[in-house]
């Protein structure tokens, strides 16, 4: 599925790397199958977990709050995590 089509049909869905500082979202899953996904799951990035963007300066690593812990992620890793922001708008 192309990224453009994905975004056009699901306006509340985006990648974790696209969250703005202070935004919260629920993890839906991962793009693709890669070994990084297992590592992300082992540190708490699992479907259904609520995450918050603690720090996103537009470049460099992101600081993500997940399960009560702040975790630094590279933008490439965060771009593989699909989240739903609809709960944050309520």
PDB file of N, CA and C in Angstrom:
ATOM      1  N   UNK A   1       0.851  -1.167   0.000  1.00  0.00           N
ATOM      2  CA  UNK A   1       0.000   0.000   0.000  1.00  0.00           C
ATOM      3  C   UNK A   1       0.901   1.235   0.000  1.00  0.00           C
ATOM      4  N   UNK A   2       0.614   2.137  -0.883  1.00  0.00           N
ATOM      5  CA  UNK A   2       1.458   3.333  -0.943  1.00  0.00           C
ATOM      6  C   UNK A   2       1.161   4.256   0.227  1.00  0.00           C
ATOM      7  N   UNK A   3       2.159   4.997   0.606  1.00  0.00           N
ATOM      8  CA  UNK A   3       2.008   5.909   1.738  1.00  0.00           C
ATOM      9  C   UNK A   3       0.936   6.958   1.464  1.00  0.00           C
ATOM     10  N   UNK A   4       0.867   7.467   0.229  1.00  0.00           N
ATOM     11  CA  UNK A   4      -0.127   8.490  -0.115  1.00  0.00           C
ATOM     12  C   UNK A   4      -1.530   7.937   0.035  1.00  0.00           C
ATOM     13  N   UNK A   5      -1.772   6.744  -0.506  1.00  0.00           N
ATOM     14  CA  UNK A   5      -3.101   6.147  -0.406  1.00  0.00           C
ATOM     15  C   UNK A   5      -3.461   5.889   1.048  1.00  0.00           C
ATOM     16  N   UNK A   6      -2.503   5.436   1.827  1.00  0.00           N
ATOM     17  CA  UNK A   6      -2.726   5.164   3.242  1.00  0.00           C
ATOM     18  C   UNK A   6      -3.220   6.418   3.955  1.00  0.00           C
ATOM     19  N   UNK A   7      -2.548   7.549   3.731  1.00  0.00           N
ATOM     20  CA  UNK A   7      -2.922   8.792   4.409  1.00  0.00           C
ATOM     21  C   UNK A   7      -4.230   9.370   3.895  1.00  0.00           C
ATOM     22  N   UNK A   8      -4.497   9.237   2.623  1.00  0.00           N
ATOM     23  CA  UNK A   8      -5.694   9.831   2.060  1.00  0.00           C
ATOM     24  C   UNK A   8      -6.953   9.203   2.644  1.00  0.00           C
ATOM     25  N   UNK A   9      -6.917   7.913   2.928  1.00  0.00           N
ATOM     26  CA  UNK A   9      -8.119   7.220   3.386  1.00  0.00           C
ATOM     27  C   UNK A   9      -8.242   7.135   4.903  1.00  0.00           C
ATOM     28  N   UNK A  10      -7.221   7.498   5.621  1.00  0.00           N
ATOM     29  CA  UNK A  10      -7.238   7.385   7.073  1.00  0.00           C
ATOM     30  C   UNK A  10      -6.625   8.648   7.668  1.00  0.00           C
ATOM     31  N   UNK A  11      -7.406   9.686   7.807  1.00  0.00           N
ATOM     32  CA  UNK A  11      -6.828  10.971   8.221  1.00  0.00           C
ATOM     33  C   UNK A  11      -6.297  10.975   9.643  1.00  0.00           C
ATOM     34  N   UNK A  12      -6.713  10.043  10.478  1.00  0.00           N
ATOM     35  CA  UNK A  12      -6.208   9.976  11.854  1.00  0.00           C
ATOM     36  C   UNK A  12      -4.990   9.064  11.978  1.00  0.00           C
ATOM     37  N   UNK A  13      -4.636   8.393  10.897  1.00  0.00           N
ATOM     38  CA  UNK A  13      -3.496   7.480  10.935  1.00  0.00           C
ATOM     39  C   UNK A  13      -2.279   8.154  10.331  1.00  0.00           C
ATOM     40  N   UNK A  14      -1.161   7.967  11.002  1.00  0.00           N
ATOM     41  CA  UNK A  14       0.107   8.497  10.514  1.00  0.00           C
ATOM     42  C   UNK A  14       1.223   7.686  11.125  1.00  0.00           C
ATOM     43  N   UNK A  15       2.440   7.996  10.752  1.00  0.00           N
ATOM     44  CA  UNK A  15       3.565   7.309  11.367  1.00  0.00           C
ATOM     45  C   UNK A  15       3.948   8.053  12.641  1.00  0.00           C
ATOM     46  N   UNK A  16       4.585   7.353  13.539  1.00  0.00           N
ATOM     47  CA  UNK A  16       5.000   7.945  14.803  1.00  0.00           C
ATOM     48  C   UNK A  16       5.922   9.142  14.572  1.00  0.00           C
ATOM     49  N   UNK A  17       6.742   9.084  13.546  1.00  0.00           N
ATOM     50  CA  UNK A  17       7.673  10.188  13.273  1.00  0.00           C
ATOM     51  C   UNK A  17       6.956  11.472  12.857  1.00  0.00           C
ATOM     52  N   UNK A  18       5.683  11.379  12.471  1.00  0.00           N
ATOM     53  CA  UNK A  18       4.916  12.547  12.046  1.00  0.00           C
ATOM     54  C   UNK A  18       4.189  13.252  13.196  1.00  0.00           C
ATOM     55  N   UNK A  19       4.173  12.660  14.381  1.00  0.00           N
ATOM     56  CA  UNK A  19       3.511  13.314  15.516  1.00  0.00           C
ATOM     57  C   UNK A  19       4.243  14.601  15.884  1.00  0.00           C
ATOM     58  N   UNK A  20       3.480  15.586  16.304  1.00  0.00           N
ATOM     59  CA  UNK A  20       4.062  16.836  16.787  1.00  0.00           C
ATOM     60  C   UNK A  20       4.310  16.728  18.285  1.00  0.00           C
ATOM     61  N   UNK A  21       5.203  17.536  18.770  1.00  0.00           N
ATOM     62  CA  UNK A  21       5.495  17.542  20.202  1.00  0.00           C
ATOM     63  C   UNK A  21       4.204  17.790  20.986  1.00  0.00           C
ATOM     64  N   UNK A  22       3.962  16.978  21.998  1.00  0.00           N
ATOM     65  CA  UNK A  22       2.752  17.099  22.817  1.00  0.00           C
ATOM     66  C   UNK A  22       1.586  16.252  22.333  1.00  0.00           C
ATOM     67  N   UNK A  23       1.639  15.724  21.121  1.00  0.00           N
ATOM     68  CA  UNK A  23       0.562  14.878  20.598  1.00  0.00           C
ATOM     69  C   UNK A  23       0.643  13.480  21.187  1.00  0.00           C
ATOM     70  N   UNK A  24      -0.517  12.838  21.317  1.00  0.00           N
ATOM     71  CA  UNK A  24      -0.603  11.454  21.789  1.00  0.00           C
ATOM     72  C   UNK A  24      -1.300  10.618  20.730  1.00  0.00           C
ATOM     73  N   UNK A  25      -1.019   9.332  20.719  1.00  0.00           N
ATOM     74  CA  UNK A  25      -1.632   8.435  19.745  1.00  0.00           C
ATOM     75  C   UNK A  25      -1.586   7.010  20.275  1.00  0.00           C
ATOM     76  N   UNK A  26      -2.321   6.137  19.616  1.00  0.00           N
ATOM     77  CA  UNK A  26      -2.343   4.714  19.943  1.00  0.00           C
ATOM     78  C   UNK A  26      -1.645   3.950  18.825  1.00  0.00           C
ATOM     79  N   UNK A  27      -0.757   3.057  19.190  1.00  0.00           N
ATOM     80  CA  UNK A  27      -0.042   2.265  18.193  1.00  0.00           C
ATOM     81  C   UNK A  27      -0.990   1.263  17.551  1.00  0.00           C
ATOM     82  N   UNK A  28      -0.983   1.232  16.210  1.00  0.00           N
ATOM     83  CA  UNK A  28      -1.797   0.286  15.455  1.00  0.00           C
ATOM     84  C   UNK A  28      -0.979  -0.899  14.969  1.00  0.00           C
ATOM     85  N   UNK A  29       0.273  -0.656  14.611  1.00  0.00           N
ATOM     86  CA  UNK A  29       1.109  -1.734  14.089  1.00  0.00           C
ATOM     87  C   UNK A  29       2.373  -1.177  13.468  1.00  0.00           C
ATOM     88  N   UNK A  30       3.030  -2.028  12.664  1.00  0.00           N
ATOM     89  CA  UNK A  30       4.307  -1.686  12.049  1.00  0.00           C
ATOM     90  C   UNK A  30       4.216  -1.807  10.541  1.00  0.00           C
ATOM     91  N   UNK A  31       4.983  -0.996   9.842  1.00  0.00           N
ATOM     92  CA  UNK A  31       5.119  -1.128   8.393  1.00  0.00           C
ATOM     93  C   UNK A  31       6.199  -2.158   8.104  1.00  0.00           C
ATOM     94  N   UNK A  32       5.900  -3.097   7.239  1.00  0.00           N
ATOM     95  CA  UNK A  32       6.893  -4.076   6.833  1.00  0.00           C
ATOM     96  C   UNK A  32       7.247  -5.055   7.930  1.00  0.00           C
ATOM     97  N   UNK A  33       8.094  -5.975   7.555  1.00  0.00           N
ATOM     98  CA  UNK A  33       8.593  -6.981   8.504  1.00  0.00           C
ATOM     99  C   UNK A  33      10.095  -6.813   8.591  1.00  0.00           C
ATOM    100  N   UNK A  34      10.560  -6.435   9.734  1.00  0.00           N
ATOM    101  CA  UNK A  34      12.009  -6.285   9.891  1.00  0.00           C
ATOM    102  C   UNK A  34      12.390  -6.584  11.335  1.00  0.00           C
ATOM    103  N   UNK A  35      13.646  -6.910  11.572  1.00  0.00           N
ATOM    104  CA  UNK A  35      14.096  -7.253  12.930  1.00  0.00           C
ATOM    105  C   UNK A  35      13.890  -6.123  13.932  1.00  0.00           C
ATOM    106  N   UNK A  36      13.883  -4.886  13.455  1.00  0.00           N
ATOM    107  CA  UNK A  36      13.693  -3.741  14.350  1.00  0.00           C
ATOM    108  C   UNK A  36      12.323  -3.810  15.034  1.00  0.00           C
ATOM    109  N   UNK A  37      11.330  -4.345  14.340  1.00  0.00           N
ATOM    110  CA  UNK A  37       9.988  -4.422  14.924  1.00  0.00           C
ATOM    111  C   UNK A  37       9.968  -5.252  16.203  1.00  0.00           C
ATOM    112  N   UNK A  38      10.733  -6.339  16.246  1.00  0.00           N
ATOM    113  CA  UNK A  38      10.796  -7.166  17.461  1.00  0.00           C
ATOM    114  C   UNK A  38      11.425  -6.381  18.607  1.00  0.00           C
ATOM    115  N   UNK A  39      12.470  -5.624  18.295  1.00  0.00           N
ATOM    116  CA  UNK A  39      13.122  -4.826  19.334  1.00  0.00           C
ATOM    117  C   UNK A  39      12.169  -3.754  19.849  1.00  0.00           C
ATOM    118  N   UNK A  40      11.449  -3.109  18.945  1.00  0.00           N
ATOM    119  CA  UNK A  40      10.492  -2.080  19.359  1.00  0.00           C
ATOM    120  C   UNK A  40       9.410  -2.681  20.253  1.00  0.00           C
ATOM    121  N   UNK A  41       8.908  -3.842  19.890  1.00  0.00           N
ATOM    122  CA  UNK A  41       7.889  -4.516  20.709  1.00  0.00           C
ATOM    123  C   UNK A  41       8.443  -4.874  22.079  1.00  0.00           C
ATOM    124  N   UNK A  42       9.706  -5.275  22.140  1.00  0.00           N
ATOM    125  CA  UNK A  42      10.287  -5.681  23.423  1.00  0.00           C
ATOM    126  C   UNK A  42      10.464  -4.509  24.390  1.00  0.00           C
ATOM    127  N   UNK A  43      10.494  -3.288  23.873  1.00  0.00           N
ATOM    128  CA  UNK A  43      10.625  -2.129  24.766  1.00  0.00           C
ATOM    129  C   UNK A  43       9.298  -1.388  24.952  1.00  0.00           C
ATOM    130  N   UNK A  44       8.178  -2.032  24.553  1.00  0.00           N
ATOM    131  CA  UNK A  44       6.867  -1.485  24.867  1.00  0.00           C
ATOM    132  C   UNK A  44       6.071  -0.920  23.714  1.00  0.00           C
ATOM    133  N   UNK A  45       6.631  -0.876  22.512  1.00  0.00           N
ATOM    134  CA  UNK A  45       5.910  -0.358  21.355  1.00  0.00           C
ATOM    135  C   UNK A  45       5.094  -1.485  20.738  1.00  0.00           C
ATOM    136  N   UNK A  46       3.924  -1.735  21.327  1.00  0.00           N
ATOM    137  CA  UNK A  46       3.051  -2.810  20.880  1.00  0.00           C
ATOM    138  C   UNK A  46       1.689  -2.232  20.500  1.00  0.00           C
ATOM    139  N   UNK A  47       0.960  -2.912  19.600  1.00  0.00           N
ATOM    140  CA  UNK A  47      -0.365  -2.419  19.229  1.00  0.00           C
ATOM    141  C   UNK A  47      -1.243  -2.217  20.465  1.00  0.00           C
ATOM    142  N   UNK A  48      -1.899  -1.065  20.513  1.00  0.00           N
ATOM    143  CA  UNK A  48      -2.768  -0.711  21.632  1.00  0.00           C
ATOM    144  C   UNK A  48      -2.107   0.184  22.660  1.00  0.00           C
ATOM    145  N   UNK A  49      -0.780   0.244  22.657  1.00  0.00           N
ATOM    146  CA  UNK A  49      -0.065   1.101  23.612  1.00  0.00           C
ATOM    147  C   UNK A  49      -0.250   2.569  23.229  1.00  0.00           C
ATOM    148  N   UNK A  50      -0.452   3.399  24.229  1.00  0.00           N
ATOM    149  CA  UNK A  50      -0.573   4.845  24.004  1.00  0.00           C
ATOM    150  C   UNK A  50       0.818   5.459  24.105  1.00  0.00           C
ATOM    151  N   UNK A  51       1.150   6.281  23.125  1.00  0.00           N
ATOM    152  CA  UNK A  51       2.448   6.941  23.087  1.00  0.00           C
ATOM    153  C   UNK A  51       2.252   8.452  23.043  1.00  0.00           C
ATOM    154  N   UNK A  52       3.239   9.167  23.512  1.00  0.00           N
ATOM    155  CA  UNK A  52       3.210  10.622  23.455  1.00  0.00           C
ATOM    156  C   UNK A  52       4.532  11.130  22.906  1.00  0.00           C
ATOM    157  N   UNK A  53       4.466  12.166  22.096  1.00  0.00           N
ATOM    158  CA  UNK A  53       5.681  12.759  21.545  1.00  0.00           C
ATOM    159  C   UNK A  53       6.213  13.774  22.551  1.00  0.00           C
ATOM    160  N   UNK A  54       7.261  13.398  23.255  1.00  0.00           N
ATOM    161  CA  UNK A  54       7.846  14.272  24.269  1.00  0.00           C
ATOM    162  C   UNK A  54       8.758  15.318  23.634  1.00  0.00           C
ATOM    163  N   UNK A  55       9.461  14.921  22.550  1.00  0.00           N
ATOM    164  CA  UNK A  55      10.373  15.871  21.916  1.00  0.00           C
ATOM    165  C   UNK A  55      10.516  15.556  20.431  1.00  0.00           C
ATOM    166  N   UNK A  56      10.229  16.538  19.596  1.00  0.00           N
ATOM    167  CA  UNK A  56      10.391  16.419  18.146  1.00  0.00           C
ATOM    168  C   UNK A  56      10.813  17.775  17.617  1.00  0.00           C
ATOM    169  N   UNK A  57      12.114  17.950  17.433  1.00  0.00           N
ATOM    170  CA  UNK A  57      12.644  19.232  16.980  1.00  0.00           C
ATOM    171  C   UNK A  57      12.730  19.338  15.466  1.00  0.00           C
ATOM    172  N   UNK A  58      12.255  18.334  14.726  1.00  0.00           N
ATOM    173  CA  UNK A  58      12.300  18.384  13.276  1.00  0.00           C
ATOM    174  C   UNK A  58      13.514  17.698  12.680  1.00  0.00           C
ATOM    175  N   UNK A  59      14.534  17.454  13.478  1.00  0.00           N
ATOM    176  CA  UNK A  59      15.693  16.681  13.036  1.00  0.00           C
ATOM    177  C   UNK A  59      16.289  15.997  14.260  1.00  0.00           C
ATOM    178  N   UNK A  60      17.082  14.969  14.018  1.00  0.00           N
ATOM    179  CA  UNK A  60      17.659  14.237  15.133  1.00  0.00           C
ATOM    180  C   UNK A  60      16.677  13.253  15.733  1.00  0.00           C
ATOM    181  N   UNK A  61      17.073  12.595  16.823  1.00  0.00           N
ATOM    182  CA  UNK A  61      16.212  11.568  17.423  1.00  0.00           C
ATOM    183  C   UNK A  61      14.958  12.166  18.060  1.00  0.00           C
ATOM    184  N   UNK A  62      13.950  11.311  18.170  1.00  0.00           N
ATOM    185  CA  UNK A  62      12.686  11.672  18.813  1.00  0.00           C
ATOM    186  C   UNK A  62      12.689  11.105  20.223  1.00  0.00           C
ATOM    187  N   UNK A  63      12.051  11.793  21.143  1.00  0.00           N
ATOM    188  CA  UNK A  63      11.856  11.259  22.495  1.00  0.00           C
ATOM    189  C   UNK A  63      10.376  10.927  22.616  1.00  0.00           C
ATOM    190  N   UNK A  64      10.092   9.649  22.795  1.00  0.00           N
ATOM    191  CA  UNK A  64       8.723   9.145  22.843  1.00  0.00           C
ATOM    192  C   UNK A  64       8.424   8.636  24.238  1.00  0.00           C
ATOM    193  N   UNK A  65       7.259   9.000  24.766  1.00  0.00           N
ATOM    194  CA  UNK A  65       6.801   8.471  26.042  1.00  0.00           C
ATOM    195  C   UNK A  65       5.930   7.246  25.749  1.00  0.00           C
ATOM    196  N   UNK A  66       6.325   6.096  26.300  1.00  0.00           N
ATOM    197  CA  UNK A  66       5.554   4.870  26.118  1.00  0.00           C
ATOM    198  C   UNK A  66       5.593   4.078  27.420  1.00  0.00           C
ATOM    199  N   UNK A  67       4.414   3.717  27.914  1.00  0.00           N
ATOM    200  CA  UNK A  67       4.288   2.909  29.135  1.00  0.00           C
ATOM    201  C   UNK A  67       5.071   3.501  30.313  1.00  0.00           C
ATOM    202  N   UNK A  68       5.023   4.835  30.452  1.00  0.00           N
ATOM    203  CA  UNK A  68       5.638   5.508  31.578  1.00  0.00           C
ATOM    204  C   UNK A  68       7.135   5.737  31.472  1.00  0.00           C
ATOM    205  N   UNK A  69       7.703   5.462  30.311  1.00  0.00           N
ATOM    206  CA  UNK A  69       9.140   5.621  30.108  1.00  0.00           C
ATOM    207  C   UNK A  69       9.402   6.463  28.866  1.00  0.00           C
ATOM    208  N   UNK A  70      10.405   7.336  28.926  1.00  0.00           N
ATOM    209  CA  UNK A  70      10.823   8.085  27.743  1.00  0.00           C
ATOM    210  C   UNK A  70      11.888   7.287  27.006  1.00  0.00           C
ATOM    211  N   UNK A  71      11.684   7.120  25.701  1.00  0.00           N
ATOM    212  CA  UNK A  71      12.577   6.333  24.864  1.00  0.00           C
ATOM    213  C   UNK A  71      13.026   7.184  23.683  1.00  0.00           C
ATOM    214  N   UNK A  72      14.321   7.191  23.386  1.00  0.00           N
ATOM    215  CA  UNK A  72      14.833   7.884  22.205  1.00  0.00           C
ATOM    216  C   UNK A  72      14.772   6.927  21.019  1.00  0.00           C
ATOM    217  N   UNK A  73      14.171   7.391  19.932  1.00  0.00           N
ATOM    218  CA  UNK A  73      14.085   6.596  18.707  1.00  0.00           C
ATOM    219  C   UNK A  73      14.616   7.411  17.546  1.00  0.00           C
ATOM    220  N   UNK A  74      15.270   6.735  16.627  1.00  0.00           N
ATOM    221  CA  UNK A  74      15.656   7.379  15.379  1.00  0.00           C
ATOM    222  C   UNK A  74      14.424   7.604  14.527  1.00  0.00           C
ATOM    223  N   UNK A  75      14.504   8.569  13.645  1.00  0.00           N
ATOM    224  CA  UNK A  75      13.358   8.869  12.782  1.00  0.00           C
ATOM    225  C   UNK A  75      12.995   7.697  11.874  1.00  0.00           C
ATOM    226  N   UNK A  76      13.996   6.937  11.428  1.00  0.00           N
ATOM    227  CA  UNK A  76      13.727   5.775  10.582  1.00  0.00           C
ATOM    228  C   UNK A  76      12.926   4.713  11.311  1.00  0.00           C
ATOM    229  N   UNK A  77      13.266   4.473  12.558  1.00  0.00           N
ATOM    230  CA  UNK A  77      12.514   3.504  13.370  1.00  0.00           C
ATOM    231  C   UNK A  77      11.087   3.999  13.588  1.00  0.00           C
ATOM    232  N   UNK A  78      10.947   5.270  13.956  1.00  0.00           N
ATOM    233  CA  UNK A  78       9.623   5.840  14.233  1.00  0.00           C
ATOM    234  C   UNK A  78       8.741   5.863  12.989  1.00  0.00           C
ATOM    235  N   UNK A  79       9.361   5.959  11.816  1.00  0.00           N
ATOM    236  CA  UNK A  79       8.593   5.983  10.560  1.00  0.00           C
ATOM    237  C   UNK A  79       7.990   4.624  10.234  1.00  0.00           C
ATOM    238  N   UNK A  80       8.394   3.567  10.923  1.00  0.00           N
ATOM    239  CA  UNK A  80       7.854   2.228  10.701  1.00  0.00           C
ATOM    240  C   UNK A  80       6.690   1.898  11.639  1.00  0.00           C
ATOM    241  N   UNK A  81       6.363   2.805  12.549  1.00  0.00           N
ATOM    242  CA  UNK A  81       5.283   2.566  13.514  1.00  0.00           C
ATOM    243  C   UNK A  81       4.053   3.377  13.107  1.00  0.00           C
ATOM    244  N   UNK A  82       2.939   2.688  12.859  1.00  0.00           N
ATOM    245  CA  UNK A  82       1.693   3.337  12.473  1.00  0.00           C
ATOM    246  C   UNK A  82       0.862   3.602  13.715  1.00  0.00           C
ATOM    247  N   UNK A  83       0.369   4.839  13.845  1.00  0.00           N
ATOM    248  CA  UNK A  83      -0.410   5.232  15.019  1.00  0.00           C
ATOM    249  C   UNK A  83      -1.725   5.855  14.603  1.00  0.00           C
ATOM    250  N   UNK A  84      -2.651   5.891  15.521  1.00  0.00           N
ATOM    251  CA  UNK A  84      -3.965   6.519  15.336  1.00  0.00           C
ATOM    252  C   UNK A  84      -4.072   7.675  16.308  1.00  0.00           C
ATOM    253  N   UNK A  85      -4.312   8.872  15.795  1.00  0.00           N
ATOM    254  CA  UNK A  85      -4.380  10.074  16.630  1.00  0.00           C
ATOM    255  C   UNK A  85      -5.812  10.471  16.971  1.00  0.00           C
ATOM    256  N   UNK A  86      -6.820   9.685  16.590  1.00  0.00           N
ATOM    257  CA  UNK A  86      -8.205  10.105  16.803  1.00  0.00           C
ATOM    258  C   UNK A  86      -8.557  10.274  18.280  1.00  0.00           C
ATOM    259  N   UNK A  87      -7.983   9.496  19.168  1.00  0.00           N
ATOM    260  CA  UNK A  87      -8.281   9.626  20.605  1.00  0.00           C
ATOM    261  C   UNK A  87      -7.755  10.933  21.156  1.00  0.00           C
ATOM    262  N   UNK A  88      -6.690  11.482  20.568  1.00  0.00           N
ATOM    263  CA  UNK A  88      -6.077  12.731  21.041  1.00  0.00           C
ATOM    264  C   UNK A  88      -6.975  13.932  20.732  1.00  0.00           C
ATOM    265  N   UNK A  89      -7.886  13.804  19.735  1.00  0.00           N
ATOM    266  CA  UNK A  89      -8.733  14.924  19.340  1.00  0.00           C
ATOM    267  C   UNK A  89      -9.995  15.032  20.169  1.00  0.00           C
ATOM    268  N   UNK A  90     -10.305  14.041  20.973  1.00  0.00           N
ATOM    269  CA  UNK A  90     -11.555  14.057  21.755  1.00  0.00           C
ATOM    270  C   UNK A  90     -11.430  14.879  23.000  1.00  0.00           C
TER     271      UNK A  90
END
